[in-house]
PDB file of N, CA and C in Angstrom:
ATOM      1  N   MET A   1       0.852  -1.166   0.000  1.00  0.00           N
ATOM      2  CA  MET A   1       0.000   0.000   0.000  1.00  0.00           C
ATOM      3  C   MET A   1       0.901   1.233   0.000  1.00  0.00           C
ATOM      4  N   ASN A   2       0.611   2.153  -0.894  1.00  0.00           N
ATOM      5  CA  ASN A   2       1.356   3.401  -0.902  1.00  0.00           C
ATOM      6  C   ASN A   2       0.536   4.502  -0.214  1.00  0.00           C
ATOM      7  N   LYS A   3       1.094   5.697  -0.150  1.00  0.00           N
ATOM      8  CA  LYS A   3       0.455   6.791   0.575  1.00  0.00           C
ATOM      9  C   LYS A   3      -0.918   7.140  -0.013  1.00  0.00           C
ATOM     10  N   ALA A   4      -1.030   7.195  -1.323  1.00  0.00           N
ATOM     11  CA  ALA A   4      -2.306   7.522  -1.966  1.00  0.00           C
ATOM     12  C   ALA A   4      -3.359   6.461  -1.642  1.00  0.00           C
ATOM     13  N   GLU A   5      -2.955   5.203  -1.641  1.00  0.00           N
ATOM     14  CA  GLU A   5      -3.886   4.124  -1.305  1.00  0.00           C
ATOM     15  C   GLU A   5      -4.304   4.199   0.154  1.00  0.00           C
ATOM     16  N   LEU A   6      -3.380   4.576   1.027  1.00  0.00           N
ATOM     17  CA  LEU A   6      -3.702   4.745   2.445  1.00  0.00           C
ATOM     18  C   LEU A   6      -4.718   5.871   2.623  1.00  0.00           C
ATOM     19  N   ILE A   7      -4.517   6.976   1.943  1.00  0.00           N
ATOM     20  CA  ILE A   7      -5.458   8.095   2.020  1.00  0.00           C
ATOM     21  C   ILE A   7      -6.835   7.669   1.516  1.00  0.00           C
ATOM     22  N   ASP A   8      -6.883   6.948   0.408  1.00  0.00           N
ATOM     23  CA  ASP A   8      -8.163   6.447  -0.115  1.00  0.00           C
ATOM     24  C   ASP A   8      -8.854   5.546   0.904  1.00  0.00           C
ATOM     25  N   ALA A   9      -8.083   4.671   1.551  1.00  0.00           N
ATOM     26  CA  ALA A   9      -8.662   3.745   2.538  1.00  0.00           C
ATOM     27  C   ALA A   9      -9.175   4.506   3.755  1.00  0.00           C
ATOM     28  N   VAL A  10      -8.425   5.489   4.233  1.00  0.00           N
ATOM     29  CA  VAL A  10      -8.869   6.282   5.377  1.00  0.00           C
ATOM     30  C   VAL A  10     -10.151   7.028   5.018  1.00  0.00           C
ATOM     31  N   ALA A  11     -10.199   7.598   3.830  1.00  0.00           N
ATOM     32  CA  ALA A  11     -11.403   8.309   3.385  1.00  0.00           C
ATOM     33  C   ALA A  11     -12.605   7.368   3.335  1.00  0.00           C
ATOM     34  N   ALA A  12     -12.399   6.179   2.791  1.00  0.00           N
ATOM     35  CA  ALA A  12     -13.492   5.213   2.677  1.00  0.00           C
ATOM     36  C   ALA A  12     -13.960   4.724   4.041  1.00  0.00           C
ATOM     37  N   ASN A  13     -13.018   4.489   4.957  1.00  0.00           N
ATOM     38  CA  ASN A  13     -13.367   3.955   6.275  1.00  0.00           C
ATOM     39  C   ASN A  13     -13.991   4.976   7.210  1.00  0.00           C
ATOM     40  N   THR A  14     -13.692   6.254   6.984  1.00  0.00           N
ATOM     41  CA  THR A  14     -14.191   7.285   7.894  1.00  0.00           C
ATOM     42  C   THR A  14     -15.305   8.135   7.313  1.00  0.00           C
ATOM     43  N   GLY A  15     -15.522   8.043   6.015  1.00  0.00           N
ATOM     44  CA  GLY A  15     -16.533   8.880   5.374  1.00  0.00           C
ATOM     45  C   GLY A  15     -16.053  10.303   5.121  1.00  0.00           C
ATOM     46  N   GLN A  16     -14.762  10.545   5.347  1.00  0.00           N
ATOM     47  CA  GLN A  16     -14.191  11.865   5.094  1.00  0.00           C
ATOM     48  C   GLN A  16     -13.885  12.022   3.611  1.00  0.00           C
ATOM     49  N   SER A  17     -13.726  13.278   3.191  1.00  0.00           N
ATOM     50  CA  SER A  17     -13.275  13.519   1.825  1.00  0.00           C
ATOM     51  C   SER A  17     -11.817  13.079   1.727  1.00  0.00           C
ATOM     52  N   LYS A  18     -11.357  12.856   0.484  1.00  0.00           N
ATOM     53  CA  LYS A  18      -9.956  12.484   0.299  1.00  0.00           C
ATOM     54  C   LYS A  18      -9.044  13.611   0.782  1.00  0.00           C
ATOM     55  N   SER A  19      -9.491  14.839   0.629  1.00  0.00           N
ATOM     56  CA  SER A  19      -8.693  15.974   1.084  1.00  0.00           C
ATOM     57  C   SER A  19      -8.522  15.958   2.599  1.00  0.00           C
ATOM     58  N   ASP A  20      -9.624  15.735   3.316  1.00  0.00           N
ATOM     59  CA  ASP A  20      -9.556  15.675   4.783  1.00  0.00           C
ATOM     60  C   ASP A  20      -8.761  14.459   5.248  1.00  0.00           C
ATOM     61  N   ALA A  21      -8.960  13.324   4.589  1.00  0.00           N
ATOM     62  CA  ALA A  21      -8.211  12.119   4.945  1.00  0.00           C
ATOM     63  C   ALA A  21      -6.729  12.324   4.678  1.00  0.00           C
ATOM     64  N   GLY A  22      -6.407  12.978   3.574  1.00  0.00           N
ATOM     65  CA  GLY A  22      -5.011  13.267   3.244  1.00  0.00           C
ATOM     66  C   GLY A  22      -4.374  14.155   4.291  1.00  0.00           C
ATOM     67  N   ALA A  23      -5.115  15.147   4.762  1.00  0.00           N
ATOM     68  CA  ALA A  23      -4.597  16.037   5.802  1.00  0.00           C
ATOM     69  C   ALA A  23      -4.352  15.261   7.094  1.00  0.00           C
ATOM     70  N   ALA A  24      -5.252  14.340   7.421  1.00  0.00           N
ATOM     71  CA  ALA A  24      -5.098  13.538   8.643  1.00  0.00           C
ATOM     72  C   ALA A  24      -3.885  12.618   8.536  1.00  0.00           C
ATOM     73  N   VAL A  25      -3.735  11.948   7.412  1.00  0.00           N
ATOM     74  CA  VAL A  25      -2.588  11.051   7.211  1.00  0.00           C
ATOM     75  C   VAL A  25      -1.296  11.852   7.266  1.00  0.00           C
ATOM     76  N   GLU A  26      -1.280  12.994   6.606  1.00  0.00           N
ATOM     77  CA  GLU A  26      -0.093  13.848   6.601  1.00  0.00           C
ATOM     78  C   GLU A  26       0.241  14.326   8.013  1.00  0.00           C
ATOM     79  N   ALA A  27      -0.774  14.652   8.814  1.00  0.00           N
ATOM     80  CA  ALA A  27      -0.550  15.089  10.196  1.00  0.00           C
ATOM     81  C   ALA A  27       0.077  13.972  11.024  1.00  0.00           C
ATOM     82  N   VAL A  28      -0.397  12.739  10.830  1.00  0.00           N
ATOM     83  CA  VAL A  28       0.184  11.597  11.549  1.00  0.00           C
ATOM     84  C   VAL A  28       1.647  11.426  11.158  1.00  0.00           C
ATOM     85  N   PHE A  29       1.924  11.445   9.855  1.00  0.00           N
ATOM     86  CA  PHE A  29       3.302  11.289   9.389  1.00  0.00           C
ATOM     87  C   PHE A  29       4.182  12.417   9.909  1.00  0.00           C
ATOM     88  N   ASP A  30       3.687  13.649   9.875  1.00  0.00           N
ATOM     89  CA  ASP A  30       4.466  14.796  10.360  1.00  0.00           C
ATOM     90  C   ASP A  30       4.811  14.640  11.834  1.00  0.00           C
ATOM     91  N   ASN A  31       3.853  14.190  12.631  1.00  0.00           N
ATOM     92  CA  ASN A  31       4.102  14.027  14.063  1.00  0.00           C
ATOM     93  C   ASN A  31       5.096  12.912  14.342  1.00  0.00           C
ATOM     94  N   ILE A  32       5.002  11.821  13.615  1.00  0.00           N
ATOM     95  CA  ILE A  32       5.976  10.738  13.764  1.00  0.00           C
ATOM     96  C   ILE A  32       7.359  11.238  13.357  1.00  0.00           C
ATOM     97  N   ARG A  33       7.436  11.911  12.218  1.00  0.00           N
ATOM     98  CA  ARG A  33       8.705  12.438  11.721  1.00  0.00           C
ATOM     99  C   ARG A  33       9.323  13.424  12.713  1.00  0.00           C
ATOM    100  N   ASN A  34       8.524  14.343  13.243  1.00  0.00           N
ATOM    101  CA  ASN A  34       9.039  15.337  14.188  1.00  0.00           C
ATOM    102  C   ASN A  34       9.523  14.700  15.485  1.00  0.00           C
ATOM    103  N   ALA A  35       8.790  13.699  15.965  1.00  0.00           N
ATOM    104  CA  ALA A  35       9.213  13.005  17.183  1.00  0.00           C
ATOM    105  C   ALA A  35      10.547  12.306  16.958  1.00  0.00           C
ATOM    106  N   MET A  36      10.694  11.673  15.805  1.00  0.00           N
ATOM    107  CA  MET A  36      11.931  10.973  15.501  1.00  0.00           C
ATOM    108  C   MET A  36      13.095  11.941  15.344  1.00  0.00           C
ATOM    109  N   LYS A  37      12.852  13.090  14.720  1.00  0.00           N
ATOM    110  CA  LYS A  37      13.907  14.096  14.569  1.00  0.00           C
ATOM    111  C   LYS A  37      14.373  14.602  15.924  1.00  0.00           C
ATOM    112  N   SER A  38      13.463  14.586  16.908  1.00  0.00           N
ATOM    113  CA  SER A  38      13.804  15.022  18.263  1.00  0.00           C
ATOM    114  C   SER A  38      14.502  13.929  19.058  1.00  0.00           C
ATOM    115  N   GLY A  39      14.656  12.753  18.447  1.00  0.00           N
ATOM    116  CA  GLY A  39      15.326  11.645  19.119  1.00  0.00           C
ATOM    117  C   GLY A  39      14.390  10.713  19.850  1.00  0.00           C
ATOM    118  N   ASP A  40      13.085  10.955  19.761  1.00  0.00           N
ATOM    119  CA  ASP A  40      12.114  10.088  20.426  1.00  0.00           C
ATOM    120  C   ASP A  40      11.837   8.847  19.593  1.00  0.00           C
ATOM    121  N   THR A  41      11.384   7.803  20.256  1.00  0.00           N
ATOM    122  CA  THR A  41      10.881   6.607  19.588  1.00  0.00           C
ATOM    123  C   THR A  41       9.365   6.656  19.654  1.00  0.00           C
ATOM    124  N   VAL A  42       8.725   6.365  18.544  1.00  0.00           N
ATOM    125  CA  VAL A  42       7.265   6.337  18.495  1.00  0.00           C
ATOM    126  C   VAL A  42       6.850   4.873  18.454  1.00  0.00           C
ATOM    127  N   SER A  43       6.097   4.432  19.461  1.00  0.00           N
ATOM    128  CA  SER A  43       5.652   3.042  19.534  1.00  0.00           C
ATOM    129  C   SER A  43       4.146   2.988  19.386  1.00  0.00           C
ATOM    130  N   LEU A  44       3.692   2.277  18.375  1.00  0.00           N
ATOM    131  CA  LEU A  44       2.264   2.077  18.144  1.00  0.00           C
ATOM    132  C   LEU A  44       1.978   0.598  18.388  1.00  0.00           C
ATOM    133  N   VAL A  45       1.411   0.299  19.543  1.00  0.00           N
ATOM    134  CA  VAL A  45       1.180  -1.076  19.959  1.00  0.00           C
ATOM    135  C   VAL A  45       0.339  -1.794  18.897  1.00  0.00           C
ATOM    136  N   GLY A  46       0.782  -2.960  18.505  1.00  0.00           N
ATOM    137  CA  GLY A  46       0.089  -3.748  17.506  1.00  0.00           C
ATOM    138  C   GLY A  46       0.491  -3.400  16.080  1.00  0.00           C
ATOM    139  N   PHE A  47       1.324  -2.367  15.929  1.00  0.00           N
ATOM    140  CA  PHE A  47       1.757  -1.970  14.585  1.00  0.00           C
ATOM    141  C   PHE A  47       3.267  -2.001  14.455  1.00  0.00           C
ATOM    142  N   GLY A  48       3.955  -1.265  15.310  1.00  0.00           N
ATOM    143  CA  GLY A  48       5.410  -1.225  15.247  1.00  0.00           C
ATOM    144  C   GLY A  48       5.952   0.010  15.916  1.00  0.00           C
ATOM    145  N   SER A  49       7.260   0.160  15.825  1.00  0.00           N
ATOM    146  CA  SER A  49       7.945   1.300  16.415  1.00  0.00           C
ATOM    147  C   SER A  49       8.741   2.016  15.345  1.00  0.00           C
ATOM    148  N   PHE A  50       8.832   3.308  15.480  1.00  0.00           N
ATOM    149  CA  PHE A  50       9.616   4.134  14.587  1.00  0.00           C
ATOM    150  C   PHE A  50      10.710   4.777  15.425  1.00  0.00           C
ATOM    151  N   CYS A  51      11.953   4.669  14.975  1.00  0.00           N
ATOM    152  CA  CYS A  51      13.037   5.320  15.691  1.00  0.00           C
ATOM    153  C   CYS A  51      14.104   5.727  14.695  1.00  0.00           C
ATOM    154  N   ARG A  52      14.937   6.646  15.128  1.00  0.00           N
ATOM    155  CA  ARG A  52      15.943   7.220  14.228  1.00  0.00           C
ATOM    156  C   ARG A  52      17.012   6.199  13.834  1.00  0.00           C
ATOM    157  N   HIS A  53      17.476   5.409  14.762  1.00  0.00           N
ATOM    158  CA  HIS A  53      18.547   4.445  14.474  1.00  0.00           C
ATOM    159  C   HIS A  53      18.179   3.091  15.061  1.00  0.00           C
ATOM    160  N   CYS A  54      17.273   2.400  14.437  1.00  0.00           N
ATOM    161  CA  CYS A  54      16.841   1.088  14.926  1.00  0.00           C
ATOM    162  C   CYS A  54      17.608  -0.007  14.204  1.00  0.00           C
ATOM    163  N   GLY A  55      17.807  -1.084  14.903  1.00  0.00           N
ATOM    164  CA  GLY A  55      18.474  -2.229  14.312  1.00  0.00           C
ATOM    165  C   GLY A  55      17.471  -3.259  13.822  1.00  0.00           C
ATOM    166  N   LEU A  56      17.986  -4.269  13.191  1.00  0.00           N
ATOM    167  CA  LEU A  56      17.155  -5.373  12.731  1.00  0.00           C
ATOM    168  C   LEU A  56      17.524  -6.621  13.509  1.00  0.00           C
ATOM    169  N   SER A  57      16.521  -7.405  13.826  1.00  0.00           N
ATOM    170  CA  SER A  57      16.758  -8.685  14.462  1.00  0.00           C
ATOM    171  C   SER A  57      16.821  -9.738  13.369  1.00  0.00           C
ATOM    172  N   ARG A  58      17.929 -10.447  13.281  1.00  0.00           N
ATOM    173  CA  ARG A  58      18.054 -11.477  12.249  1.00  0.00           C
ATOM    174  C   ARG A  58      17.052 -12.610  12.476  1.00  0.00           C
ATOM    175  N   ARG A  59      16.674 -12.824  13.706  1.00  0.00           N
ATOM    176  CA  ARG A  59      15.768 -13.913  14.027  1.00  0.00           C
ATOM    177  C   ARG A  59      14.332 -13.586  13.622  1.00  0.00           C
ATOM    178  N   SER A  60      13.874 -12.388  13.948  1.00  0.00           N
ATOM    179  CA  SER A  60      12.467 -12.069  13.719  1.00  0.00           C
ATOM    180  C   SER A  60      12.243 -11.050  12.612  1.00  0.00           C
ATOM    181  N   GLY A  61      13.321 -10.576  11.970  1.00  0.00           N
ATOM    182  CA  GLY A  61      13.176  -9.616  10.885  1.00  0.00           C
ATOM    183  C   GLY A  61      13.039  -8.201  11.422  1.00  0.00           C
ATOM    184  N   PRO A  62      12.659  -7.281  10.541  1.00  0.00           N
ATOM    185  CA  PRO A  62      12.584  -5.886  10.961  1.00  0.00           C
ATOM    186  C   PRO A  62      11.493  -5.672  12.005  1.00  0.00           C
ATOM    187  N   GLN A  63      11.858  -5.025  13.087  1.00  0.00           N
ATOM    188  CA  GLN A  63      10.904  -4.732  14.143  1.00  0.00           C
ATOM    189  C   GLN A  63      10.613  -3.241  14.221  1.00  0.00           C
ATOM    190  N   HIS A  64      11.458  -2.449  13.594  1.00  0.00           N
ATOM    191  CA  HIS A  64      11.345  -1.001  13.674  1.00  0.00           C
ATOM    192  C   HIS A  64      11.521  -0.409  12.286  1.00  0.00           C
ATOM    193  N   MET A  65      10.989   0.744  12.093  1.00  0.00           N
ATOM    194  CA  MET A  65      11.169   1.461  10.849  1.00  0.00           C
ATOM    195  C   MET A  65      12.005   2.690  11.132  1.00  0.00           C
ATOM    196  N   ALA A  66      13.054   2.892  10.398  1.00  0.00           N
ATOM    197  CA  ALA A  66      13.952   4.025  10.640  1.00  0.00           C
ATOM    198  C   ALA A  66      13.557   5.193   9.748  1.00  0.00           C
ATOM    199  N   LEU A  67      13.881   6.381  10.178  1.00  0.00           N
ATOM    200  CA  LEU A  67      13.581   7.612   9.463  1.00  0.00           C
ATOM    201  C   LEU A  67      14.344   7.651   8.158  1.00  0.00           C
ATOM    202  N   ALA A  68      13.618   7.871   7.073  1.00  0.00           N
ATOM    203  CA  ALA A  68      14.261   8.032   5.765  1.00  0.00           C
ATOM    204  C   ALA A  68      14.891   9.415   5.706  1.00  0.00           C
ATOM    205  N   ARG A  69      16.042   9.488   5.112  1.00  0.00           N
ATOM    206  CA  ARG A  69      16.727  10.791   5.032  1.00  0.00           C
ATOM    207  C   ARG A  69      16.570  11.399   3.684  1.00  0.00           C
TER     208      ARG A  69
END
């Protein structure tokens, strides 16, 4: 799923316009990005964690998503 598909899905699931859903998705991404830039780790239980310099576990695969530069 890419960003446009995510926005479409959020719009469909919430009844919002694509514009409003896009703004909501962008706000979530901006907040995650800003927290990571500040050195914080963002943990979303049941989804994953985002951190600036996360490692990979060879046993269980990627557990974290690192900030793209």
